[in-house]
C-alpha atoms as a PDB file:
ATOM      1  CA  MET A   1      -0.133 128.730  80.278  1.00  0.00           C
ATOM      2  CA  VAL A   2       1.634 125.971  82.090  1.00  0.00           C
ATOM      3  CA  LYS A   3       3.846 127.095  84.836  1.00  0.00           C
ATOM      4  CA  SER A   4       7.767 126.270  84.522  1.00  0.00           C
ATOM      5  CA  PRO A   5       8.640 124.269  87.361  1.00  0.00           C
ATOM      6  CA  GLN A   6      11.609 125.901  89.386  1.00  0.00           C
ATOM      7  CA  ILE A   7      15.052 123.710  90.182  1.00  0.00           C
ATOM      8  CA  ILE A   8      16.349 124.311  93.580  1.00  0.00           C
ATOM      9  CA  ALA A   9      19.621 122.899  93.714  1.00  0.00           C
ATOM     10  CA  MET A  10      20.752 121.100  96.840  1.00  0.00           C
ATOM     11  CA  THR A  11      23.747 119.436  98.418  1.00  0.00           C
ATOM     12  CA  ILE A  12      25.216 117.137 100.672  1.00  0.00           C
ATOM     13  CA  SER A  13      28.493 116.169 102.049  1.00  0.00           C
ATOM     14  CA  ILE A  14      29.460 112.899 101.369  1.00  0.00           C
ATOM     15  CA  ASN A  15      33.095 112.259 102.732  1.00  0.00           C
ATOM     16  CA  GLY A  16      33.581 116.016 103.372  1.00  0.00           C
ATOM     17  CA  ASN A  17      32.921 116.922  99.714  1.00  0.00           C
ATOM     18  CA  LEU A  18      29.876 118.924  98.646  1.00  0.00           C
ATOM     19  CA  LYS A  19      27.398 116.644  96.128  1.00  0.00           C
ATOM     20  CA  SER A  20      25.120 118.631  94.154  1.00  0.00           C
ATOM     21  CA  PHE A  21      21.481 117.240  93.190  1.00  0.00           C
ATOM     22  CA  SER A  22      21.306 119.176  89.976  1.00  0.00           C
ATOM     23  CA  PRO A  23      20.953 117.765  88.007  1.00  0.00           C
ATOM     24  CA  ALA A  24      18.771 115.160  90.086  1.00  0.00           C
ATOM     25  CA  TRP A  25      20.496 111.961  91.293  1.00  0.00           C
ATOM     26  CA  VAL A  26      19.249 108.667  90.017  1.00  0.00           C
ATOM     27  CA  MET A  27      19.672 106.369  92.789  1.00  0.00           C
ATOM     28  CA  GLY A  28      19.900 102.280  91.672  1.00  0.00           C
ATOM     29  CA  ILE A  29      18.139  99.903  93.647  1.00  0.00           C
ATOM     30  CA  ILE A  30      19.923  95.957  94.806  1.00  0.00           C
ATOM     31  CA  ASN A  31      18.038  93.983  96.668  1.00  0.00           C
ATOM     32  CA  ALA A  32      20.013  91.429  98.629  1.00  0.00           C
ATOM     33  CA  THR A  33      16.862  89.699  99.451  1.00  0.00           C
ATOM     34  CA  PRO A  34      14.632  86.449  98.194  1.00  0.00           C
ATOM     35  CA  ASP A  35      11.484  88.185  98.609  1.00  0.00           C
ATOM     36  CA  SER A  36      11.501  91.731  97.460  1.00  0.00           C
ATOM     37  CA  PHE A  37       8.310  92.652  95.764  1.00  0.00           C
ATOM     38  CA  TYR A  38       9.774  93.052  92.330  1.00  0.00           C
ATOM     39  CA  SER A  39      11.492  90.126  91.320  1.00  0.00           C
ATOM     40  CA  GLY A  40      13.491  91.527  88.899  1.00  0.00           C
ATOM     41  CA  SER A  41      15.399  93.253  91.661  1.00  0.00           C
ATOM     42  CA  ARG A  42      16.520  90.333  93.374  1.00  0.00           C
ATOM     43  CA  THR A  43      20.152  89.664  93.138  1.00  0.00           C
ATOM     44  CA  LEU A  44      21.130  86.762  95.616  1.00  0.00           C
ATOM     45  CA  THR A  45      25.082  85.999  94.404  1.00  0.00           C
ATOM     46  CA  GLY A  46      28.116  87.840  94.618  1.00  0.00           C
ATOM     47  CA  GLU A  47      28.544  87.721  90.940  1.00  0.00           C
ATOM     48  CA  ALA A  48      25.037  88.599  90.085  1.00  0.00           C
ATOM     49  CA  ILE A  49      25.543  91.802  92.694  1.00  0.00           C
ATOM     50  CA  SER A  50      28.637  92.990  91.344  1.00  0.00           C
ATOM     51  CA  LEU A  51      27.634  92.682  87.618  1.00  0.00           C
ATOM     52  CA  ARG A  52      24.165  94.335  88.466  1.00  0.00           C
ATOM     53  CA  ALA A  53      26.294  97.355  90.345  1.00  0.00           C
ATOM     54  CA  GLN A  54      28.608  97.592  87.502  1.00  0.00           C
ATOM     55  CA  LEU A  55      25.761  97.924  85.250  1.00  0.00           C
ATOM     56  CA  MET A  56      23.855 100.790  87.199  1.00  0.00           C
ATOM     57  CA  LEU A  57      27.079 102.851  87.607  1.00  0.00           C
ATOM     58  CA  ARG A  58      27.792 102.567  83.694  1.00  0.00           C
ATOM     59  CA  GLN A  59      24.025 103.829  83.120  1.00  0.00           C
ATOM     60  CA  GLY A  60      24.669 106.904  85.118  1.00  0.00           C
ATOM     61  CA  ALA A  61      23.689 105.698  88.789  1.00  0.00           C
ATOM     62  CA  ASP A  62      25.017 108.351  91.318  1.00  0.00           C
ATOM     63  CA  CYS A  63      24.368 106.263  94.090  1.00  0.00           C
ATOM     64  CA  LEU A  64      23.485 102.344  94.853  1.00  0.00           C
ATOM     65  CA  ASP A  65      21.067 101.481  97.385  1.00  0.00           C
ATOM     66  CA  ILE A  66      21.449  98.198  99.129  1.00  0.00           C
ATOM     67  CA  GLY A  67      19.024  96.398 100.848  1.00  0.00           C
ATOM     68  CA  GLY A  68      18.626  93.219 103.173  1.00  0.00           C
ATOM     69  CA  TYR A  69      15.454  93.280 104.686  1.00  0.00           C
ATOM     70  CA  SER A  70      12.426  93.241 102.591  1.00  0.00           C
ATOM     71  CA  SER A  71       9.848  95.602 103.501  1.00  0.00           C
ATOM     72  CA  ARG A  72       6.933  94.683 101.565  1.00  0.00           C
ATOM     73  CA  PRO A  73       3.915  93.751 103.687  1.00  0.00           C
ATOM     74  CA  GLY A  74       3.862  90.044 104.306  1.00  0.00           C
ATOM     75  CA  ALA A  75       7.629  89.681 104.154  1.00  0.00           C
ATOM     76  CA  ASP A  76       9.702  87.917 106.552  1.00  0.00           C
ATOM     77  CA  ASP A  77      10.830  89.362 109.719  1.00  0.00           C
ATOM     78  CA  ILE A  78      14.898  88.453 109.969  1.00  0.00           C
ATOM     79  CA  SER A  79      17.108  89.023 112.832  1.00  0.00           C
ATOM     80  CA  PRO A  80      19.591  91.833 112.774  1.00  0.00           C
ATOM     81  CA  GLU A  81      22.437  89.210 112.248  1.00  0.00           C
ATOM     82  CA  GLU A  82      20.897  88.163 108.929  1.00  0.00           C
ATOM     83  CA  GLU A  83      20.250  91.253 107.737  1.00  0.00           C
ATOM     84  CA  TYR A  84      23.872  92.103 108.159  1.00  0.00           C
ATOM     85  CA  ALA A  85      25.339  88.930 106.576  1.00  0.00           C
ATOM     86  CA  ARG A  86      22.934  89.931 103.248  1.00  0.00           C
ATOM     87  CA  LEU A  87      24.354  93.375 103.755  1.00  0.00           C
ATOM     88  CA  ALA A  88      27.883  92.410 103.931  1.00  0.00           C
ATOM     89  CA  GLY A  89      27.313  89.518 101.201  1.00  0.00           C
ATOM     90  CA  ALA A  90      26.396  92.782  98.749  1.00  0.00           C
ATOM     91  CA  LEU A  91      28.654  95.113 100.019  1.00  0.00           C
ATOM     92  CA  GLU A  92      31.808  93.118  99.596  1.00  0.00           C
ATOM     93  CA  PRO A  93      31.688  92.585  96.021  1.00  0.00           C
ATOM     94  CA  VAL A  94      30.409  96.063  95.163  1.00  0.00           C
ATOM     95  CA  ARG A  95      33.212  97.646  97.041  1.00  0.00           C
ATOM     96  CA  ARG A  96      35.543  95.222  95.196  1.00  0.00           C
ATOM     97  CA  VAL A  97      34.398  96.513  91.826  1.00  0.00           C
ATOM     98  CA  ALA A  98      33.557 100.327  92.706  1.00  0.00           C
ATOM     99  CA  PRO A  99      35.313 100.913  95.739  1.00  0.00           C
ATOM    100  CA  ASP A 100      34.792 104.803  95.509  1.00  0.00           C
ATOM    101  CA  ALA A 101      30.694 104.639  94.613  1.00  0.00           C
ATOM    102  CA  ILE A 102      28.445 106.523  96.783  1.00  0.00           C
ATOM    103  CA  ILE A 103      26.408 103.487  98.594  1.00  0.00           C
ATOM    104  CA  SER A 104      23.417 103.681 100.630  1.00  0.00           C
ATOM    105  CA  VAL A 105      22.247 100.867 102.916  1.00  0.00           C
ATOM    106  CA  ASP A 106      18.440 100.482 103.448  1.00  0.00           C
ATOM    107  CA  THR A 107      17.965  99.681 107.061  1.00  0.00           C
ATOM    108  CA  PHE A 108      16.207 100.715 110.035  1.00  0.00           C
ATOM    109  CA  ARG A 109      18.374  99.155 112.782  1.00  0.00           C
ATOM    110  CA  ALA A 110      21.106 101.355 114.186  1.00  0.00           C
ATOM    111  CA  SER A 111      23.440  98.441 115.077  1.00  0.00           C
ATOM    112  CA  VAL A 112      23.292  97.418 111.006  1.00  0.00           C
ATOM    113  CA  ALA A 113      24.005 100.949 110.356  1.00  0.00           C
ATOM    114  CA  ARG A 114      26.831 101.474 112.126  1.00  0.00           C
ATOM    115  CA  ARG A 115      28.799  98.204 111.005  1.00  0.00           C
ATOM    116  CA  CYS A 116      28.081  98.802 107.377  1.00  0.00           C
ATOM    117  CA  VAL A 117      29.363 102.604 107.858  1.00  0.00           C
ATOM    118  CA  GLU A 118      32.425 101.359 110.114  1.00  0.00           C
ATOM    119  CA  GLU A 119      33.008  98.242 107.821  1.00  0.00           C
ATOM    120  CA  TRP A 120      32.122  99.030 104.452  1.00  0.00           C
ATOM    121  CA  GLY A 121      32.315 102.703 104.164  1.00  0.00           C
ATOM    122  CA  VAL A 122      28.760 103.707 103.571  1.00  0.00           C
ATOM    123  CA  GLN A 123      27.943 106.754 103.217  1.00  0.00           C
ATOM    124  CA  ILE A 124      24.222 107.075 103.546  1.00  0.00           C
ATOM    125  CA  ILE A 125      21.773 105.435 105.923  1.00  0.00           C
ATOM    126  CA  ASN A 126      18.170 105.007 104.360  1.00  0.00           C
ATOM    127  CA  ASP A 127      15.853 104.280 106.914  1.00  0.00           C
ATOM    128  CA  ILE A 128      12.071 103.219 106.130  1.00  0.00           C
ATOM    129  CA  SER A 129      10.765 104.196 109.429  1.00  0.00           C
ATOM    130  CA  GLY A 130      12.781 107.579 109.902  1.00  0.00           C
ATOM    131  CA  GLY A 131      14.059 106.625 113.156  1.00  0.00           C
ATOM    132  CA  THR A 132      10.790 105.090 114.733  1.00  0.00           C
ATOM    133  CA  LEU A 133      11.825 101.475 114.966  1.00  0.00           C
ATOM    134  CA  ASP A 134      15.052 102.107 116.286  1.00  0.00           C
ATOM    135  CA  PRO A 135      15.050 104.914 119.052  1.00  0.00           C
ATOM    136  CA  ALA A 136      19.211 104.543 118.649  1.00  0.00           C
ATOM    137  CA  MET A 137      18.917 105.399 115.028  1.00  0.00           C
ATOM    138  CA  PHE A 138      19.197 109.373 115.309  1.00  0.00           C
ATOM    139  CA  GLU A 139      22.047 109.202 117.662  1.00  0.00           C
ATOM    140  CA  THR A 140      23.773 106.624 115.630  1.00  0.00           C
ATOM    141  CA  VAL A 141      23.883 108.625 112.555  1.00  0.00           C
ATOM    142  CA  ALA A 142      24.873 111.837 114.396  1.00  0.00           C
ATOM    143  CA  ASP A 143      27.825 109.939 115.881  1.00  0.00           C
ATOM    144  CA  LEU A 144      28.837 108.508 112.648  1.00  0.00           C
ATOM    145  CA  GLY A 145      28.394 111.635 110.535  1.00  0.00           C
ATOM    146  CA  VAL A 146      26.903 110.253 107.814  1.00  0.00           C
ATOM    147  CA  ALA A 147      24.121 111.447 105.474  1.00  0.00           C
ATOM    148  CA  TYR A 148      20.486 110.019 106.606  1.00  0.00           C
ATOM    149  CA  VAL A 149      17.118 109.581 104.412  1.00  0.00           C
ATOM    150  CA  LEU A 150      14.447 110.393 106.376  1.00  0.00           C
ATOM    151  CA  MET A 151      11.457 108.451 105.256  1.00  0.00           C
ATOM    152  CA  HIS A 152       7.635 108.425 106.607  1.00  0.00           C
ATOM    153  CA  MET A 153       5.882 105.514 107.668  1.00  0.00           C
ATOM    154  CA  ARG A 154       3.416 104.562 110.211  1.00  0.00           C
ATOM    155  CA  GLY A 155       3.779 101.444 111.814  1.00  0.00           C
ATOM    156  CA  ASN A 156       6.146  98.641 110.376  1.00  0.00           C
ATOM    157  CA  PRO A 157       5.767  96.488 106.915  1.00  0.00           C
ATOM    158  CA  ALA A 158       3.333  94.213 108.433  1.00  0.00           C
ATOM    159  CA  THR A 159       0.907  96.658 109.907  1.00  0.00           C
ATOM    160  CA  MET A 160       1.567  99.809 107.800  1.00  0.00           C
ATOM    161  CA  THR A 161      -1.467  98.576 105.604  1.00  0.00           C
ATOM    162  CA  GLN A 162      -4.004  99.117 108.660  1.00  0.00           C
ATOM    163  CA  LEU A 163      -2.587 102.787 108.943  1.00  0.00           C
ATOM    164  CA  THR A 164      -4.093 105.057 106.250  1.00  0.00           C
ATOM    165  CA  ASP A 165      -6.452 107.286 108.427  1.00  0.00           C
ATOM    166  CA  TYR A 166      -4.993 110.978 107.108  1.00  0.00           C
ATOM    167  CA  SER A 167      -7.413 114.098 107.165  1.00  0.00           C
ATOM    168  CA  ASP A 168      -4.813 115.502 104.616  1.00  0.00           C
ATOM    169  CA  VAL A 169      -2.121 113.276 103.791  1.00  0.00           C
ATOM    170  CA  THR A 170       0.316 115.432 102.356  1.00  0.00           C
ATOM    171  CA  ALA A 171       0.019 118.226 105.526  1.00  0.00           C
ATOM    172  CA  GLU A 172       0.323 115.238 108.258  1.00  0.00           C
ATOM    173  CA  VAL A 173       3.355 113.777 106.191  1.00  0.00           C
ATOM    174  CA  ILE A 174       5.111 117.196 105.838  1.00  0.00           C
ATOM    175  CA  SER A 175       4.520 118.033 109.797  1.00  0.00           C
ATOM    176  CA  TRP A 176       5.795 114.688 110.975  1.00  0.00           C
ATOM    177  CA  LEU A 177       8.650 115.079 108.768  1.00  0.00           C
ATOM    178  CA  ALA A 178       9.569 118.692 110.002  1.00  0.00           C
ATOM    179  CA  PHE A 179       9.321 117.349 113.468  1.00  0.00           C
ATOM    180  CA  ARG A 180      11.972 114.575 112.995  1.00  0.00           C
ATOM    181  CA  ILE A 181      14.088 116.670 111.205  1.00  0.00           C
ATOM    182  CA  ALA A 182      14.030 119.478 113.739  1.00  0.00           C
ATOM    183  CA  GLU A 183      15.216 116.040 116.347  1.00  0.00           C
ATOM    184  CA  LEU A 184      18.069 115.301 113.644  1.00  0.00           C
ATOM    185  CA  ARG A 185      19.589 119.149 114.091  1.00  0.00           C
ATOM    186  CA  ALA A 186      19.244 119.124 117.486  1.00  0.00           C
ATOM    187  CA  LEU A 187      21.472 116.268 117.509  1.00  0.00           C
ATOM    188  CA  GLY A 188      23.551 117.702 115.103  1.00  0.00           C
ATOM    189  CA  VAL A 189      22.725 115.559 111.827  1.00  0.00           C
ATOM    190  CA  ALA A 190      23.350 118.017 108.883  1.00  0.00           C
ATOM    191  CA  ASP A 191      22.679 115.670 105.715  1.00  0.00           C
ATOM    192  CA  VAL A 192      19.064 115.348 105.521  1.00  0.00           C
ATOM    193  CA  ILE A 193      17.275 113.710 102.696  1.00  0.00           C
ATOM    194  CA  VAL A 194      13.710 113.376 103.099  1.00  0.00           C
ATOM    195  CA  ASP A 195      11.351 110.726 101.483  1.00  0.00           C
ATOM    196  CA  PRO A 196       7.395 110.948 101.712  1.00  0.00           C
ATOM    197  CA  GLY A 197       7.266 107.150 101.503  1.00  0.00           C
ATOM    198  CA  PHE A 198       5.161 106.348  98.855  1.00  0.00           C
ATOM    199  CA  GLY A 199       3.455 102.951  99.337  1.00  0.00           C
ATOM    200  CA  PHE A 200       4.244 103.087 102.969  1.00  0.00           C
ATOM    201  CA  ALA A 201       1.172 103.295 105.298  1.00  0.00           C
ATOM    202  CA  LYS A 202      -0.766 105.091 102.358  1.00  0.00           C
ATOM    203  CA  THR A 203      -3.423 104.121  99.720  1.00  0.00           C
ATOM    204  CA  VAL A 204      -3.277 104.273  96.048  1.00  0.00           C
ATOM    205  CA  SER A 205      -5.032 107.843  96.063  1.00  0.00           C
ATOM    206  CA  GLN A 206      -2.959 109.108  98.881  1.00  0.00           C
ATOM    207  CA  ASN A 207       0.037 108.431  96.959  1.00  0.00           C
ATOM    208  CA  PHE A 208      -1.358 110.428  93.924  1.00  0.00           C
ATOM    209  CA  GLU A 209      -2.522 112.978  96.068  1.00  0.00           C
ATOM    210  CA  MET A 210       1.243 113.515  97.530  1.00  0.00           C
ATOM    211  CA  LEU A 211       2.796 113.333  94.352  1.00  0.00           C
ATOM    212  CA  GLN A 212       0.635 115.947  92.673  1.00  0.00           C
ATOM    213  CA  HIS A 213       1.747 118.235  95.897  1.00  0.00           C
ATOM    214  CA  LEU A 214       5.101 116.904  95.814  1.00  0.00           C
ATOM    215  CA  ASP A 215       6.632 120.831  95.515  1.00  0.00           C
ATOM    216  CA  ASP A 216       4.814 121.424  98.784  1.00  0.00           C
ATOM    217  CA  PHE A 217       7.691 119.354 100.551  1.00  0.00           C
ATOM    218  CA  ARG A 218      10.425 122.022  99.775  1.00  0.00           C
ATOM    219  CA  ILE A 219       9.309 123.869 102.570  1.00  0.00           C
ATOM    220  CA  LEU A 220      11.348 121.282 104.345  1.00  0.00           C
ATOM    221  CA  ASP A 221      14.332 122.972 102.713  1.00  0.00           C
ATOM    222  CA  CYS A 222      15.882 119.331 102.493  1.00  0.00           C
ATOM    223  CA  PRO A 223      16.562 117.496  99.145  1.00  0.00           C
ATOM    224  CA  ILE A 224      13.671 115.349  98.115  1.00  0.00           C
ATOM    225  CA  LEU A 225      13.913 111.615  97.195  1.00  0.00           C
ATOM    226  CA  ALA A 226      10.932 110.048  95.390  1.00  0.00           C
ATOM    227  CA  GLY A 227      10.626 106.047  95.394  1.00  0.00           C
ATOM    228  CA  VAL A 228       7.908 105.171  93.145  1.00  0.00           C
ATOM    229  CA  SER A 229       9.919 102.693  90.945  1.00  0.00           C
ATOM    230  CA  ARG A 230       7.691  99.740  89.992  1.00  0.00           C
ATOM    231  CA  LYS A 231       5.043 100.365  93.152  1.00  0.00           C
ATOM    232  CA  SER A 232       1.696  99.178  93.650  1.00  0.00           C
ATOM    233  CA  MET A 233       0.132 102.732  92.918  1.00  0.00           C
ATOM    234  CA  ILE A 234       1.581 102.114  88.974  1.00  0.00           C
ATOM    235  CA  TRP A 235       0.469  98.404  88.782  1.00  0.00           C
ATOM    236  CA  ARG A 236      -3.029  98.519  90.482  1.00  0.00           C
ATOM    237  CA  THR A 237      -3.803 101.592  88.606  1.00  0.00           C
ATOM    238  CA  LEU A 238      -2.792 100.287  85.366  1.00  0.00           C
ATOM    239  CA  GLY A 239      -3.969  97.017  85.803  1.00  0.00           C
ATOM    240  CA  CYS A 240      -0.626  95.087  85.295  1.00  0.00           C
ATOM    241  CA  SER A 241       2.397  93.761  87.490  1.00  0.00           C
ATOM    242  CA  PRO A 242       5.412  94.920  88.855  1.00  0.00           C
ATOM    243  CA  GLU A 243       6.928  93.823  85.698  1.00  0.00           C
ATOM    244  CA  GLU A 244       5.214  95.425  83.728  1.00  0.00           C
ATOM    245  CA  SER A 245       5.475  98.790  85.360  1.00  0.00           C
ATOM    246  CA  LEU A 246       8.628 100.295  83.796  1.00  0.00           C
ATOM    247  CA  ASN A 247       6.576 102.942  81.768  1.00  0.00           C
ATOM    248  CA  GLY A 248       4.549 103.912  84.752  1.00  0.00           C
ATOM    249  CA  THR A 249       7.163 104.358  86.545  1.00  0.00           C
ATOM    250  CA  THR A 250       8.887 106.862  83.866  1.00  0.00           C
ATOM    251  CA  VAL A 251       5.570 108.446  83.939  1.00  0.00           C
ATOM    252  CA  LEU A 252       5.756 109.101  87.432  1.00  0.00           C
ATOM    253  CA  ASN A 253       9.469 109.697  87.806  1.00  0.00           C
ATOM    254  CA  THR A 254       8.594 112.665  85.032  1.00  0.00           C
ATOM    255  CA  LEU A 255       5.765 114.080  87.210  1.00  0.00           C
ATOM    256  CA  ALA A 256       8.018 113.929  90.200  1.00  0.00           C
ATOM    257  CA  LEU A 257      11.126 115.749  88.526  1.00  0.00           C
ATOM    258  CA  GLN A 258       8.612 118.163  87.376  1.00  0.00           C
ATOM    259  CA  ARG A 259       7.361 118.960  90.692  1.00  0.00           C
ATOM    260  CA  GLY A 260      10.865 119.407  92.933  1.00  0.00           C
ATOM    261  CA  ALA A 261      12.565 115.675  93.311  1.00  0.00           C
ATOM    262  CA  ASN A 262      16.461 115.608  93.880  1.00  0.00           C
ATOM    263  CA  ILE A 263      16.472 111.814  93.665  1.00  0.00           C
ATOM    264  CA  LEU A 264      14.766 109.526  91.954  1.00  0.00           C
ATOM    265  CA  ARG A 265      15.202 105.673  94.009  1.00  0.00           C
ATOM    266  CA  VAL A 266      14.731 103.290  90.710  1.00  0.00           C
ATOM    267  CA  HIS A 267      15.249  99.423  89.676  1.00  0.00           C
ATOM    268  CA  ASP A 268      15.917 100.923  85.878  1.00  0.00           C
ATOM    269  CA  VAL A 269      18.519 103.253  85.769  1.00  0.00           C
ATOM    270  CA  ALA A 270      18.907 103.691  82.227  1.00  0.00           C
ATOM    271  CA  GLU A 271      15.485 104.847  81.951  1.00  0.00           C
ATOM    272  CA  ALA A 272      15.563 107.253  85.180  1.00  0.00           C
ATOM    273  CA  ARG A 273      18.936 108.765  84.122  1.00  0.00           C
ATOM    274  CA  GLN A 274      17.276 109.460  80.265  1.00  0.00           C
ATOM    275  CA  CYS A 275      14.279 110.736  82.331  1.00  0.00           C
ATOM    276  CA  VAL A 276      15.984 113.154  84.376  1.00  0.00           C
ATOM    277  CA  SER A 277      18.171 114.313  81.100  1.00  0.00           C
ATOM    278  CA  LEU A 278      14.935 115.216  79.215  1.00  0.00           C
ATOM    279  CA  VAL A 279      13.277 116.996  82.020  1.00  0.00           C
ATOM    280  CA  GLN A 280      16.326 118.595  82.566  1.00  0.00           C
ATOM    281  CA  ALA A 281      16.424 119.880  79.077  1.00  0.00           C
ATOM    282  CA  THR A 282      12.328 120.754  78.911  1.00  0.00           C
ATOM    283  CA  MET A 283      12.743 122.704  81.907  1.00  0.00           C
ATOM    284  CA  GLY A 284      15.663 124.810  80.334  1.00  0.00           C
ATOM    285  CA  ALA A 285      14.126 125.343  77.189  1.00  0.00           C
ATOM    286  CA  SER A 286      11.362 126.794  79.235  1.00  0.00           C
ATOM    287  CA  ALA A 287      13.136 129.405  80.416  1.00  0.00           C
ATOM    288  CA  SER A 288      12.881 128.016  84.031  1.00  0.00           C
ATOM    289  CA  PRO A 289      14.837 129.736  86.636  1.00  0.00           C
ATOM    290  CA  LEU A 290      17.400 127.092  85.786  1.00  0.00           C
ATOM    291  CA  THR A 291      18.534 129.400  82.870  1.00  0.00           C
ATOM    292  CA  SER A 292      16.884 132.661  83.236  1.00  0.00           C
ATOM    293  CA  ALA A 293      17.881 133.511  86.747  1.00  0.00           C
ATOM    294  CA  PRO A 294      20.088 132.536  90.079  1.00  0.00           C
ATOM    295  CA  THR A 295      18.815 129.424  91.857  1.00  0.00           C
ATOM    296  CA  PRO A 296      18.508 129.602  95.349  1.00  0.00           C
ATOM    297  CA  ILE A 297      21.259 126.949  96.430  1.00  0.00           C
ATOM    298  CA  TYR A 298      20.652 125.198 100.130  1.00  0.00           C
ATOM    299  CA  HIS A 299      23.570 123.919 101.753  1.00  0.00           C
ATOM    300  CA  ASN A 300      22.789 121.450 104.430  1.00  0.00           C
ATOM    301  CA  VAL A 301      26.290 121.566 106.205  1.00  0.00           C
END
């Protein structure tokens, strides 16, 4: 008999309002970069970004994640000034057509994060380095009072593929996240989202091992973000390309939701929203705690 997955509803505070992750959120990716690993996600003009944002929101995106610095191995390094210019060029058209949208900015630089929050009202900072590439990031997030995505990565995008030596990848990533969460809490950061960092300093097999044990990350009592969309763990395993990895992405998103993911970070919003709806319906139909008993709610405020 297959055990029914448990749904744990969590919340974060956005502009002073509690937002629930039940059902799970879909975070739509907008890359204002010329060299992101998936060419279909590159949006380099204001008009293209505006259209992409409007489409994603119509398709059911709960949040838009905008990046100006490609983190794929071998990507060009750019200055903070260039990164901010790319982000501002994307934030302006998005805020013009969707002034109330919840926006996350994908940056590991505290100075860039500050400008995006103060000048464009960004509500979430998504840091691939978990504060390791800029020691000012944690204090900056605490000062700004915004939500923070704490992702696990070793090294930097140029070195991470050589830093994959773990005795137990899931246990070590959870331990690292727990230590960093304690640092954030000590600074007064209330709203922390954890991201295991699929594809960042992990081999393909380690990525699948973490996905298999994703429910172990619930011990951290933080919402869990799963970012597997069109990544190499899919296309290397299937022998295809990122452009051909949508079906594989949906399969892994389904498994992530069943194992406790609260946010899916994706390139394809409509398909992810359908995935959330169907998994939600299945969990309800299987008499999981969603319908059969009260579900614990952890308020990170």
